[in-house]
Amino acid sequence: MWVLLHNAHNAPAMLLALESILEELVAGANPDPNFRVWISAQALKDVLPNRLIQNSVRTIIDTPKVGATLA
């Protein structure tokens, strides 16, 4: 099963609960190897729990800067 949480930065309390739930799932006797959680969020300070970030594979996509030049 795959789960997508879009704009998760809008629900910081839910992210804290999610962190606990995922830790319990991983520590369980038989976690499903096909389970994935995708989280889409803005990188706002103090919104994403540190342990959730540290235990994740991260991809960062930033908008292009207008007028920026390549060096």
PDB file of N, CA and C in Angstrom:
ATOM      1  N   MET A   1       0.839  -1.167   0.000  1.00  0.00           N
ATOM      2  CA  MET A   1       0.000   0.000   0.000  1.00  0.00           C
ATOM      3  C   MET A   1       0.892   1.241   0.000  1.00  0.00           C
ATOM      4  N   TRP A   2       0.505   2.213  -0.798  1.00  0.00           N
ATOM      5  CA  TRP A   2       1.209   3.486  -0.846  1.00  0.00           C
ATOM      6  C   TRP A   2       0.268   4.577  -0.347  1.00  0.00           C
ATOM      7  N   VAL A   3       0.831   5.538   0.404  1.00  0.00           N
ATOM      8  CA  VAL A   3       0.044   6.650   0.944  1.00  0.00           C
ATOM      9  C   VAL A   3       0.761   7.944   0.565  1.00  0.00           C
ATOM     10  N   LEU A   4       0.023   8.936   0.076  1.00  0.00           N
ATOM     11  CA  LEU A   4       0.578  10.248  -0.246  1.00  0.00           C
ATOM     12  C   LEU A   4      -0.065  11.282   0.662  1.00  0.00           C
ATOM     13  N   LEU A   5       0.760  12.007   1.400  1.00  0.00           N
ATOM     14  CA  LEU A   5       0.291  13.120   2.230  1.00  0.00           C
ATOM     15  C   LEU A   5       0.775  14.400   1.560  1.00  0.00           C
ATOM     16  N   HIS A   6      -0.149  15.117   0.949  1.00  0.00           N
ATOM     17  CA  HIS A   6       0.182  16.315   0.176  1.00  0.00           C
ATOM     18  C   HIS A   6       0.018  17.552   1.046  1.00  0.00           C
ATOM     19  N   ASN A   7       0.966  18.490   0.962  1.00  0.00           N
ATOM     20  CA  ASN A   7       0.960  19.725   1.760  1.00  0.00           C
ATOM     21  C   ASN A   7       0.930  19.434   3.258  1.00  0.00           C
ATOM     22  N   ALA A   8       1.749  18.487   3.669  1.00  0.00           N
ATOM     23  CA  ALA A   8       1.758  18.051   5.064  1.00  0.00           C
ATOM     24  C   ALA A   8       2.224  19.146   6.022  1.00  0.00           C
ATOM     25  N   HIS A   9       2.880  20.180   5.519  1.00  0.00           N
ATOM     26  CA  HIS A   9       3.326  21.280   6.382  1.00  0.00           C
ATOM     27  C   HIS A   9       2.141  22.029   7.002  1.00  0.00           C
ATOM     28  N   ASN A  10       0.946  21.846   6.442  1.00  0.00           N
ATOM     29  CA  ASN A  10      -0.248  22.498   6.984  1.00  0.00           C
ATOM     30  C   ASN A  10      -0.816  21.798   8.210  1.00  0.00           C
ATOM     31  N   ALA A  11      -0.270  20.630   8.547  1.00  0.00           N
ATOM     32  CA  ALA A  11      -0.772  19.868   9.699  1.00  0.00           C
ATOM     33  C   ALA A  11       0.402  19.353  10.534  1.00  0.00           C
ATOM     34  N   PRO A  12       1.122  20.244  11.221  1.00  0.00           N
ATOM     35  CA  PRO A  12       2.301  19.801  11.980  1.00  0.00           C
ATOM     36  C   PRO A  12       1.977  18.820  13.100  1.00  0.00           C
ATOM     37  N   ALA A  13       0.806  18.928  13.718  1.00  0.00           N
ATOM     38  CA  ALA A  13       0.433  17.980  14.775  1.00  0.00           C
ATOM     39  C   ALA A  13       0.258  16.579  14.195  1.00  0.00           C
ATOM     40  N   MET A  14      -0.280  16.502  12.976  1.00  0.00           N
ATOM     41  CA  MET A  14      -0.449  15.213  12.325  1.00  0.00           C
ATOM     42  C   MET A  14       0.904  14.582  12.022  1.00  0.00           C
ATOM     43  N   LEU A  15       1.901  15.385  11.680  1.00  0.00           N
ATOM     44  CA  LEU A  15       3.239  14.860  11.391  1.00  0.00           C
ATOM     45  C   LEU A  15       3.883  14.263  12.633  1.00  0.00           C
ATOM     46  N   LEU A  16       3.651  14.864  13.787  1.00  0.00           N
ATOM     47  CA  LEU A  16       4.173  14.281  15.028  1.00  0.00           C
ATOM     48  C   LEU A  16       3.518  12.930  15.313  1.00  0.00           C
ATOM     49  N   ALA A  17       2.217  12.848  15.088  1.00  0.00           N
ATOM     50  CA  ALA A  17       1.522  11.584  15.279  1.00  0.00           C
ATOM     51  C   ALA A  17       1.996  10.549  14.251  1.00  0.00           C
ATOM     52  N   LEU A  18       2.195  10.977  13.019  1.00  0.00           N
ATOM     53  CA  LEU A  18       2.668  10.084  11.965  1.00  0.00           C
ATOM     54  C   LEU A  18       4.028   9.497  12.310  1.00  0.00           C
ATOM     55  N   GLU A  19       4.893  10.314  12.884  1.00  0.00           N
ATOM     56  CA  GLU A  19       6.220   9.846  13.281  1.00  0.00           C
ATOM     57  C   GLU A  19       6.097   8.676  14.259  1.00  0.00           C
ATOM     58  N   SER A  20       5.244   8.795  15.238  1.00  0.00           N
ATOM     59  CA  SER A  20       5.035   7.718  16.221  1.00  0.00           C
ATOM     60  C   SER A  20       4.425   6.476  15.578  1.00  0.00           C
ATOM     61  N   ILE A  21       3.455   6.678  14.715  1.00  0.00           N
ATOM     62  CA  ILE A  21       2.798   5.551  14.046  1.00  0.00           C
ATOM     63  C   ILE A  21       3.798   4.779  13.193  1.00  0.00           C
ATOM     64  N   LEU A  22       4.631   5.496  12.437  1.00  0.00           N
ATOM     65  CA  LEU A  22       5.603   4.827  11.578  1.00  0.00           C
ATOM     66  C   LEU A  22       6.653   4.074  12.386  1.00  0.00           C
ATOM     67  N   GLU A  23       7.068   4.633  13.514  1.00  0.00           N
ATOM     68  CA  GLU A  23       8.027   3.933  14.367  1.00  0.00           C
ATOM     69  C   GLU A  23       7.432   2.625  14.892  1.00  0.00           C
ATOM     70  N   GLU A  24       6.150   2.642  15.250  1.00  0.00           N
ATOM     71  CA  GLU A  24       5.489   1.424  15.712  1.00  0.00           C
ATOM     72  C   GLU A  24       5.370   0.399  14.587  1.00  0.00           C
ATOM     73  N   LEU A  25       5.071   0.855  13.362  1.00  0.00           N
ATOM     74  CA  LEU A  25       4.971  -0.061  12.229  1.00  0.00           C
ATOM     75  C   LEU A  25       6.307  -0.729  11.930  1.00  0.00           C
ATOM     76  N   VAL A  26       7.373   0.046  11.956  1.00  0.00           N
ATOM     77  CA  VAL A  26       8.701  -0.496  11.657  1.00  0.00           C
ATOM     78  C   VAL A  26       9.146  -1.452  12.751  1.00  0.00           C
ATOM     79  N   ALA A  27       8.817  -1.137  13.987  1.00  0.00           N
ATOM     80  CA  ALA A  27       9.214  -1.986  15.110  1.00  0.00           C
ATOM     81  C   ALA A  27       8.337  -3.224  15.224  1.00  0.00           C
ATOM     82  N   GLY A  28       7.239  -3.287  14.483  1.00  0.00           N
ATOM     83  CA  GLY A  28       6.324  -4.424  14.558  1.00  0.00           C
ATOM     84  C   GLY A  28       6.973  -5.717  14.080  1.00  0.00           C
ATOM     85  N   ALA A  29       6.309  -6.808  14.347  1.00  0.00           N
ATOM     86  CA  ALA A  29       6.853  -8.125  14.035  1.00  0.00           C
ATOM     87  C   ALA A  29       6.977  -8.371  12.529  1.00  0.00           C
ATOM     88  N   ASN A  30       5.991  -7.949  11.760  1.00  0.00           N
ATOM     89  CA  ASN A  30       5.991  -8.245  10.333  1.00  0.00           C
ATOM     90  C   ASN A  30       5.541  -7.047   9.505  1.00  0.00           C
ATOM     91  N   PRO A  31       6.351  -6.012   9.350  1.00  0.00           N
ATOM     92  CA  PRO A  31       5.909  -4.868   8.538  1.00  0.00           C
ATOM     93  C   PRO A  31       5.806  -5.277   7.064  1.00  0.00           C
ATOM     94  N   ASP A  32       4.835  -4.733   6.371  1.00  0.00           N
ATOM     95  CA  ASP A  32       4.634  -5.036   4.953  1.00  0.00           C
ATOM     96  C   ASP A  32       5.759  -4.396   4.140  1.00  0.00           C
ATOM     97  N   PRO A  33       6.506  -5.189   3.361  1.00  0.00           N
ATOM     98  CA  PRO A  33       7.618  -4.629   2.592  1.00  0.00           C
ATOM     99  C   PRO A  33       7.181  -3.708   1.449  1.00  0.00           C
ATOM    100  N   ASN A  34       5.904  -3.740   1.079  1.00  0.00           N
ATOM    101  CA  ASN A  34       5.396  -2.893  -0.005  1.00  0.00           C
ATOM    102  C   ASN A  34       4.779  -1.594   0.481  1.00  0.00           C
ATOM    103  N   PHE A  35       4.800  -1.342   1.787  1.00  0.00           N
ATOM    104  CA  PHE A  35       4.208  -0.127   2.337  1.00  0.00           C
ATOM    105  C   PHE A  35       5.142   1.065   2.112  1.00  0.00           C
ATOM    106  N   ARG A  36       4.604   2.157   1.584  1.00  0.00           N
ATOM    107  CA  ARG A  36       5.368   3.386   1.346  1.00  0.00           C
ATOM    108  C   ARG A  36       4.531   4.581   1.779  1.00  0.00           C
ATOM    109  N   VAL A  37       5.203   5.594   2.346  1.00  0.00           N
ATOM    110  CA  VAL A  37       4.553   6.864   2.670  1.00  0.00           C
ATOM    111  C   VAL A  37       5.314   7.948   1.929  1.00  0.00           C
ATOM    112  N   TRP A  38       4.604   8.689   1.113  1.00  0.00           N
ATOM    113  CA  TRP A  38       5.166   9.830   0.394  1.00  0.00           C
ATOM    114  C   TRP A  38       4.621  11.077   1.063  1.00  0.00           C
ATOM    115  N   ILE A  39       5.519  12.002   1.402  1.00  0.00           N
ATOM    116  CA  ILE A  39       5.100  13.231   2.075  1.00  0.00           C
ATOM    117  C   ILE A  39       5.551  14.417   1.228  1.00  0.00           C
ATOM    118  N   SER A  40       4.596  15.232   0.861  1.00  0.00           N
ATOM    119  CA  SER A  40       4.868  16.459   0.128  1.00  0.00           C
ATOM    120  C   SER A  40       4.696  17.617   1.109  1.00  0.00           C
ATOM    121  N   ALA A  41       5.767  18.412   1.287  1.00  0.00           N
ATOM    122  CA  ALA A  41       5.692  19.515   2.255  1.00  0.00           C
ATOM    123  C   ALA A  41       6.706  20.588   1.911  1.00  0.00           C
ATOM    124  N   GLN A  42       6.406  21.794   2.317  1.00  0.00           N
ATOM    125  CA  GLN A  42       7.389  22.870   2.214  1.00  0.00           C
ATOM    126  C   GLN A  42       8.397  22.683   3.339  1.00  0.00           C
ATOM    127  N   ALA A  43       9.633  23.035   3.068  1.00  0.00           N
ATOM    128  CA  ALA A  43      10.694  22.887   4.069  1.00  0.00           C
ATOM    129  C   ALA A  43      10.669  24.082   5.014  1.00  0.00           C
ATOM    130  N   LEU A  44       9.677  24.106   5.882  1.00  0.00           N
ATOM    131  CA  LEU A  44       9.545  25.181   6.854  1.00  0.00           C
ATOM    132  C   LEU A  44      10.224  24.780   8.152  1.00  0.00           C
ATOM    133  N   LYS A  45      10.894  25.722   8.778  1.00  0.00           N
ATOM    134  CA  LYS A  45      11.604  25.443  10.016  1.00  0.00           C
ATOM    135  C   LYS A  45      10.619  25.046  11.120  1.00  0.00           C
ATOM    136  N   ASP A  46      10.972  24.029  11.871  1.00  0.00           N
ATOM    137  CA  ASP A  46      10.209  23.546  13.027  1.00  0.00           C
ATOM    138  C   ASP A  46       8.836  22.985  12.681  1.00  0.00           C
ATOM    139  N   VAL A  47       8.617  22.557  11.435  1.00  0.00           N
ATOM    140  CA  VAL A  47       7.346  21.935  11.079  1.00  0.00           C
ATOM    141  C   VAL A  47       7.519  20.429  10.911  1.00  0.00           C
ATOM    142  N   LEU A  48       8.560  20.019  10.193  1.00  0.00           N
ATOM    143  CA  LEU A  48       8.808  18.601   9.983  1.00  0.00           C
ATOM    144  C   LEU A  48       9.637  18.052  11.139  1.00  0.00           C
ATOM    145  N   PRO A  49       9.177  16.977  11.773  1.00  0.00           N
ATOM    146  CA  PRO A  49       9.936  16.400  12.891  1.00  0.00           C
ATOM    147  C   PRO A  49      11.311  15.899  12.439  1.00  0.00           C
ATOM    148  N   ASN A  50      12.330  16.155  13.246  1.00  0.00           N
ATOM    149  CA  ASN A  50      13.698  15.798  12.879  1.00  0.00           C
ATOM    150  C   ASN A  50      13.878  14.304  12.635  1.00  0.00           C
ATOM    151  N   ARG A  51      13.317  13.459  13.505  1.00  0.00           N
ATOM    152  CA  ARG A  51      13.482  12.012  13.316  1.00  0.00           C
ATOM    153  C   ARG A  51      12.804  11.540  12.039  1.00  0.00           C
ATOM    154  N   LEU A  52      11.690  12.144  11.678  1.00  0.00           N
ATOM    155  CA  LEU A  52      11.011  11.790  10.439  1.00  0.00           C
ATOM    156  C   LEU A  52      11.897  12.129   9.244  1.00  0.00           C
ATOM    157  N   ILE A  53      12.547  13.271   9.287  1.00  0.00           N
ATOM    158  CA  ILE A  53      13.447  13.677   8.205  1.00  0.00           C
ATOM    159  C   ILE A  53      14.671  12.768   8.159  1.00  0.00           C
ATOM    160  N   GLN A  54      15.255  12.479   9.311  1.00  0.00           N
ATOM    161  CA  GLN A  54      16.475  11.669   9.361  1.00  0.00           C
ATOM    162  C   GLN A  54      16.245  10.242   8.893  1.00  0.00           C
ATOM    163  N   ASN A  55      15.047   9.706   9.087  1.00  0.00           N
ATOM    164  CA  ASN A  55      14.753   8.332   8.704  1.00  0.00           C
ATOM    165  C   ASN A  55      14.087   8.237   7.335  1.00  0.00           C
ATOM    166  N   SER A  56      14.236   9.267   6.514  1.00  0.00           N
ATOM    167  CA  SER A  56      13.557   9.316   5.226  1.00  0.00           C
ATOM    168  C   SER A  56      14.560   9.438   4.084  1.00  0.00           C
ATOM    169  N   VAL A  57      14.093   9.062   2.918  1.00  0.00           N
ATOM    170  CA  VAL A  57      14.811   9.369   1.691  1.00  0.00           C
ATOM    171  C   VAL A  57      14.220  10.679   1.212  1.00  0.00           C
ATOM    172  N   ARG A  58      15.058  11.683   1.014  1.00  0.00           N
ATOM    173  CA  ARG A  58      14.562  13.024   0.708  1.00  0.00           C
ATOM    174  C   ARG A  58      14.867  13.413  -0.737  1.00  0.00           C
ATOM    175  N   THR A  59      13.923  14.085  -1.334  1.00  0.00           N
ATOM    176  CA  THR A  59      14.099  14.695  -2.641  1.00  0.00           C
ATOM    177  C   THR A  59      13.647  16.135  -2.506  1.00  0.00           C
ATOM    178  N   ILE A  60      14.487  17.040  -2.924  1.00  0.00           N
ATOM    179  CA  ILE A  60      14.159  18.460  -2.805  1.00  0.00           C
ATOM    180  C   ILE A  60      14.066  19.045  -4.203  1.00  0.00           C
ATOM    181  N   ILE A  61      12.936  19.668  -4.471  1.00  0.00           N
ATOM    182  CA  ILE A  61      12.729  20.345  -5.743  1.00  0.00           C
ATOM    183  C   ILE A  61      12.446  21.800  -5.423  1.00  0.00           C
ATOM    184  N   ASP A  62      13.280  22.682  -5.938  1.00  0.00           N
ATOM    185  CA  ASP A  62      13.133  24.104  -5.668  1.00  0.00           C
ATOM    186  C   ASP A  62      12.765  24.812  -6.962  1.00  0.00           C
ATOM    187  N   THR A  63      12.004  25.877  -6.847  1.00  0.00           N
ATOM    188  CA  THR A  63      11.653  26.645  -8.035  1.00  0.00           C
ATOM    189  C   THR A  63      12.883  27.375  -8.552  1.00  0.00           C
ATOM    190  N   PRO A  64      12.975  27.544  -9.860  1.00  0.00           N
ATOM    191  CA  PRO A  64      14.127  28.246 -10.409  1.00  0.00           C
ATOM    192  C   PRO A  64      14.147  29.709  -9.991  1.00  0.00           C
ATOM    193  N   LYS A  65      15.308  30.239  -9.780  1.00  0.00           N
ATOM    194  CA  LYS A  65      15.464  31.635  -9.414  1.00  0.00           C
ATOM    195  C   LYS A  65      15.399  32.494 -10.686  1.00  0.00           C
ATOM    196  N   VAL A  66      14.605  33.519 -10.650  1.00  0.00           N
ATOM    197  CA  VAL A  66      14.464  34.412 -11.805  1.00  0.00           C
ATOM    198  C   VAL A  66      15.709  35.299 -11.878  1.00  0.00           C
ATOM    199  N   GLY A  67      16.305  35.347 -13.042  1.00  0.00           N
ATOM    200  CA  GLY A  67      17.482  36.188 -13.237  1.00  0.00           C
ATOM    201  C   GLY A  67      18.765  35.572 -12.742  1.00  0.00           C
ATOM    202  N   ALA A  68      18.754  34.326 -12.286  1.00  0.00           N
ATOM    203  CA  ALA A  68      19.970  33.674 -11.791  1.00  0.00           C
ATOM    204  C   ALA A  68      20.800  33.220 -12.996  1.00  0.00           C
ATOM    205  N   THR A  69      22.093  33.289 -12.828  1.00  0.00           N
ATOM    206  CA  THR A  69      23.003  32.838 -13.895  1.00  0.00           C
ATOM    207  C   THR A  69      23.786  31.646 -13.408  1.00  0.00           C
ATOM    208  N   LEU A  70      24.118  30.790 -14.330  1.00  0.00           N
ATOM    209  CA  LEU A  70      24.930  29.624 -13.995  1.00  0.00           C
ATOM    210  C   LEU A  70      26.401  30.022 -13.996  1.00  0.00           C
ATOM    211  N   ALA A  71      27.110  29.631 -12.974  1.00  0.00           N
ATOM    212  CA  ALA A  71      28.530  29.979 -12.890  1.00  0.00           C
ATOM    213  C   ALA A  71      29.378  28.821 -13.362  1.00  0.00           C
TER     214      ALA A  71
END
